[in-house]
């Protein structure tokens, strides 16, 4: 194997690992946010709206939107995590 092909194999592995780690975080975050939205929608539906379906769908929609926006922020950031300044 030549020196150049070895360098290509070595440098491509960390990039794939970082991308896989980002996808893991994004998908788990998406599922958690959607589940929390579903739960809040069911709770609001039972307590406030006489068991109508629209609060559940609204909660799921908010969860999907929040998961998507946080996933977009993760993929756009350099390190995969958002930075906060204090």
N, C-alpha and C. Protein backbone atom coordinates (compact mmCIF):
# COMPACT_ATOMS: atom_id res chain seq x y z
N UNK A 1 0.84 -1.17 0.00
CA UNK A 1 0.00 0.00 0.00
C UNK A 1 0.89 1.24 0.00
N UNK A 2 0.50 2.22 -0.73
CA UNK A 2 1.32 3.43 -0.80
C UNK A 2 1.06 4.31 0.42
N UNK A 3 1.95 5.25 0.63
CA UNK A 3 1.85 6.17 1.77
C UNK A 3 0.60 7.04 1.65
N UNK A 4 0.27 7.45 0.42
CA UNK A 4 -0.87 8.35 0.22
C UNK A 4 -2.19 7.64 0.54
N UNK A 5 -2.35 6.38 0.12
CA UNK A 5 -3.60 5.68 0.40
C UNK A 5 -3.74 5.38 1.89
N UNK A 6 -2.63 5.15 2.60
CA UNK A 6 -2.70 4.96 4.05
C UNK A 6 -3.16 6.23 4.74
N UNK A 7 -2.67 7.37 4.28
CA UNK A 7 -3.09 8.65 4.88
C UNK A 7 -4.57 8.90 4.64
N UNK A 8 -5.07 8.55 3.47
CA UNK A 8 -6.49 8.75 3.18
C UNK A 8 -7.35 7.88 4.08
N UNK A 9 -6.94 6.66 4.32
CA UNK A 9 -7.71 5.78 5.19
C UNK A 9 -7.68 6.26 6.64
N UNK A 10 -6.58 6.75 7.08
CA UNK A 10 -6.45 7.22 8.46
C UNK A 10 -7.28 8.48 8.68
N UNK A 11 -7.27 9.41 7.73
CA UNK A 11 -7.99 10.66 7.93
C UNK A 11 -9.49 10.52 7.72
N UNK A 12 -9.95 9.51 6.98
CA UNK A 12 -11.39 9.38 6.75
C UNK A 12 -12.11 8.76 7.94
N UNK A 13 -11.44 7.98 8.75
CA UNK A 13 -12.08 7.31 9.87
C UNK A 13 -12.58 8.27 10.95
N UNK A 14 -11.79 9.26 11.39
CA UNK A 14 -12.32 10.17 12.41
C UNK A 14 -13.51 10.99 11.92
N UNK A 15 -13.52 11.36 10.65
CA UNK A 15 -14.65 12.12 10.12
C UNK A 15 -15.92 11.29 10.17
N UNK A 16 -15.83 10.04 9.80
CA UNK A 16 -16.99 9.16 9.84
C UNK A 16 -17.46 8.97 11.28
N UNK A 17 -16.53 8.85 12.20
CA UNK A 17 -16.88 8.68 13.60
C UNK A 17 -17.59 9.92 14.15
N UNK A 18 -17.09 11.09 13.79
CA UNK A 18 -17.73 12.34 14.26
C UNK A 18 -19.13 12.45 13.69
N UNK A 19 -19.29 12.12 12.40
CA UNK A 19 -20.60 12.18 11.78
C UNK A 19 -21.57 11.19 12.42
N UNK A 20 -21.10 9.99 12.70
CA UNK A 20 -21.95 9.00 13.36
C UNK A 20 -22.35 9.46 14.76
N UNK A 21 -21.42 10.07 15.48
CA UNK A 21 -21.74 10.58 16.82
C UNK A 21 -22.78 11.69 16.74
N UNK A 22 -22.65 12.56 15.74
CA UNK A 22 -23.64 13.63 15.58
C UNK A 22 -25.01 13.05 15.27
N UNK A 23 -25.07 12.05 14.38
CA UNK A 23 -26.35 11.44 14.05
C UNK A 23 -26.97 10.76 15.28
N UNK A 24 -26.16 10.13 16.09
CA UNK A 24 -26.68 9.51 17.32
C UNK A 24 -27.32 10.55 18.23
N UNK A 25 -26.64 11.67 18.41
CA UNK A 25 -27.16 12.73 19.27
C UNK A 25 -28.44 13.32 18.68
N UNK A 26 -28.44 13.57 17.37
CA UNK A 26 -29.59 14.19 16.73
C UNK A 26 -30.81 13.28 16.80
N UNK A 27 -30.64 12.00 16.48
CA UNK A 27 -31.79 11.09 16.49
C UNK A 27 -32.34 10.86 17.90
N UNK A 28 -31.45 10.72 18.87
CA UNK A 28 -31.95 10.54 20.24
C UNK A 28 -32.63 11.80 20.75
N UNK A 29 -32.08 12.97 20.42
CA UNK A 29 -32.69 14.23 20.80
C UNK A 29 -34.06 14.38 20.13
N UNK A 30 -34.15 14.00 18.87
CA UNK A 30 -35.40 14.09 18.12
C UNK A 30 -36.47 13.20 18.76
N UNK A 31 -36.10 11.98 19.11
CA UNK A 31 -37.06 11.07 19.74
C UNK A 31 -37.51 11.56 21.12
N UNK A 32 -36.58 12.10 21.89
CA UNK A 32 -36.93 12.60 23.22
C UNK A 32 -37.86 13.80 23.11
N UNK A 33 -37.55 14.75 22.23
CA UNK A 33 -38.39 15.94 22.10
C UNK A 33 -39.78 15.58 21.59
N UNK A 34 -39.86 14.66 20.62
CA UNK A 34 -41.16 14.25 20.09
C UNK A 34 -41.97 13.52 21.16
N UNK A 35 -41.32 12.68 21.95
CA UNK A 35 -42.01 11.96 23.02
C UNK A 35 -42.52 12.91 24.10
N UNK A 36 -41.70 13.89 24.45
CA UNK A 36 -42.15 14.88 25.44
C UNK A 36 -43.32 15.70 24.91
N UNK A 37 -43.28 16.05 23.63
CA UNK A 37 -44.40 16.76 23.03
C UNK A 37 -45.66 15.93 23.02
N UNK A 38 -45.51 14.63 22.72
CA UNK A 38 -46.66 13.73 22.75
C UNK A 38 -47.24 13.64 24.16
N UNK A 39 -46.37 13.48 25.14
CA UNK A 39 -46.83 13.38 26.53
C UNK A 39 -47.53 14.64 27.00
N UNK A 40 -46.95 15.78 26.66
CA UNK A 40 -47.59 17.05 27.06
C UNK A 40 -48.93 17.22 26.34
N UNK A 41 -49.00 16.79 25.09
CA UNK A 41 -50.25 16.88 24.34
C UNK A 41 -51.33 15.98 24.92
N UNK A 42 -50.96 14.77 25.31
CA UNK A 42 -51.93 13.85 25.93
C UNK A 42 -52.41 14.42 27.26
N UNK A 43 -51.47 14.93 28.04
CA UNK A 43 -51.84 15.51 29.33
C UNK A 43 -52.78 16.71 29.16
N UNK A 44 -52.45 17.58 28.23
CA UNK A 44 -53.32 18.74 27.98
C UNK A 44 -54.67 18.30 27.44
N UNK A 45 -54.67 17.28 26.60
CA UNK A 45 -55.92 16.79 26.03
C UNK A 45 -56.84 16.23 27.10
N UNK A 46 -56.29 15.48 28.01
CA UNK A 46 -57.10 14.86 29.06
C UNK A 46 -57.57 15.89 30.08
N UNK A 47 -56.67 16.80 30.47
CA UNK A 47 -57.01 17.73 31.55
C UNK A 47 -57.83 18.92 31.06
N UNK A 48 -57.44 19.50 29.94
CA UNK A 48 -58.03 20.77 29.54
C UNK A 48 -59.05 20.71 28.40
N UNK A 49 -58.91 19.77 27.48
CA UNK A 49 -59.68 19.85 26.24
C UNK A 49 -60.64 18.68 26.01
N UNK A 50 -61.08 18.04 27.05
CA UNK A 50 -62.09 16.98 26.98
C UNK A 50 -61.73 15.89 25.99
N UNK A 51 -60.48 15.47 26.02
CA UNK A 51 -59.96 14.35 25.23
C UNK A 51 -60.08 14.56 23.72
N UNK A 52 -59.82 15.75 23.29
CA UNK A 52 -59.75 16.01 21.85
C UNK A 52 -58.35 15.70 21.35
N UNK A 53 -58.22 15.52 20.05
CA UNK A 53 -56.95 15.06 19.48
C UNK A 53 -55.98 16.20 19.14
N UNK A 54 -56.47 17.42 18.94
CA UNK A 54 -55.56 18.46 18.45
C UNK A 54 -54.42 18.81 19.40
N UNK A 55 -54.57 18.74 20.73
CA UNK A 55 -53.40 19.03 21.58
C UNK A 55 -52.28 18.01 21.41
N UNK A 56 -52.65 16.76 21.15
CA UNK A 56 -51.64 15.72 20.95
C UNK A 56 -50.86 16.01 19.68
N UNK A 57 -51.55 16.30 18.59
CA UNK A 57 -50.88 16.60 17.32
C UNK A 57 -50.06 17.88 17.42
N UNK A 58 -50.56 18.85 18.15
CA UNK A 58 -49.82 20.09 18.34
C UNK A 58 -48.55 19.84 19.14
N UNK A 59 -48.64 19.03 20.19
CA UNK A 59 -47.45 18.68 20.98
C UNK A 59 -46.43 17.91 20.17
N UNK A 60 -46.89 16.96 19.34
CA UNK A 60 -45.98 16.22 18.48
C UNK A 60 -45.32 17.16 17.48
N UNK A 61 -46.08 18.08 16.93
CA UNK A 61 -45.51 19.05 15.98
C UNK A 61 -44.45 19.93 16.61
N UNK A 62 -44.71 20.41 17.82
CA UNK A 62 -43.71 21.21 18.52
C UNK A 62 -42.46 20.38 18.82
N UNK A 63 -42.64 19.12 19.20
CA UNK A 63 -41.50 18.25 19.48
C UNK A 63 -40.67 17.99 18.24
N UNK A 64 -41.32 17.73 17.11
CA UNK A 64 -40.61 17.51 15.86
C UNK A 64 -39.86 18.77 15.44
N UNK A 65 -40.50 19.91 15.56
CA UNK A 65 -39.86 21.18 15.20
C UNK A 65 -38.66 21.49 16.07
N UNK A 66 -38.79 21.24 17.35
CA UNK A 66 -37.68 21.49 18.28
C UNK A 66 -36.52 20.52 18.02
N UNK A 67 -36.84 19.27 17.77
CA UNK A 67 -35.81 18.29 17.46
C UNK A 67 -35.08 18.62 16.17
N UNK A 68 -35.84 19.06 15.17
CA UNK A 68 -35.23 19.43 13.89
C UNK A 68 -34.31 20.64 14.04
N UNK A 69 -34.76 21.66 14.76
CA UNK A 69 -33.95 22.87 14.91
C UNK A 69 -32.67 22.60 15.71
N UNK A 70 -32.76 21.77 16.74
CA UNK A 70 -31.56 21.44 17.50
C UNK A 70 -30.62 20.55 16.68
N UNK A 71 -31.18 19.65 15.88
CA UNK A 71 -30.35 18.83 15.00
C UNK A 71 -29.64 19.67 13.96
N UNK A 72 -30.33 20.64 13.42
CA UNK A 72 -29.71 21.55 12.45
C UNK A 72 -28.57 22.33 13.10
N UNK A 73 -28.77 22.76 14.33
CA UNK A 73 -27.71 23.49 15.04
C UNK A 73 -26.51 22.59 15.32
N UNK A 74 -26.76 21.33 15.61
CA UNK A 74 -25.66 20.40 15.88
C UNK A 74 -24.84 20.16 14.62
N UNK A 75 -25.50 19.97 13.48
CA UNK A 75 -24.77 19.72 12.24
C UNK A 75 -24.06 20.96 11.71
N UNK A 76 -24.56 22.13 12.03
CA UNK A 76 -23.93 23.36 11.55
C UNK A 76 -22.75 23.80 12.42
N UNK A 77 -22.69 23.35 13.65
CA UNK A 77 -21.61 23.76 14.53
C UNK A 77 -20.33 23.02 14.19
N UNK A 78 -19.21 23.57 14.58
CA UNK A 78 -17.91 22.98 14.25
C UNK A 78 -17.63 21.73 15.06
N UNK A 79 -17.94 21.73 16.33
CA UNK A 79 -17.59 20.61 17.21
C UNK A 79 -18.75 19.65 17.43
N UNK A 80 -19.94 19.97 16.95
CA UNK A 80 -21.08 19.10 17.17
C UNK A 80 -21.89 19.48 18.38
N UNK A 81 -21.43 20.42 19.15
CA UNK A 81 -22.16 20.90 20.31
C UNK A 81 -22.27 22.40 20.22
N UNK A 82 -23.41 22.92 20.63
CA UNK A 82 -23.57 24.36 20.62
C UNK A 82 -22.78 24.98 21.76
N UNK A 83 -22.27 26.15 21.53
CA UNK A 83 -21.50 26.85 22.55
C UNK A 83 -22.35 27.92 23.19
N UNK A 84 -22.18 28.10 24.47
CA UNK A 84 -22.89 29.17 25.17
C UNK A 84 -21.86 30.06 25.86
N UNK A 85 -22.11 31.35 25.81
CA UNK A 85 -21.20 32.29 26.47
C UNK A 85 -21.86 32.78 27.74
N UNK A 86 -21.07 32.93 28.77
CA UNK A 86 -21.60 33.35 30.07
C UNK A 86 -21.13 34.76 30.36
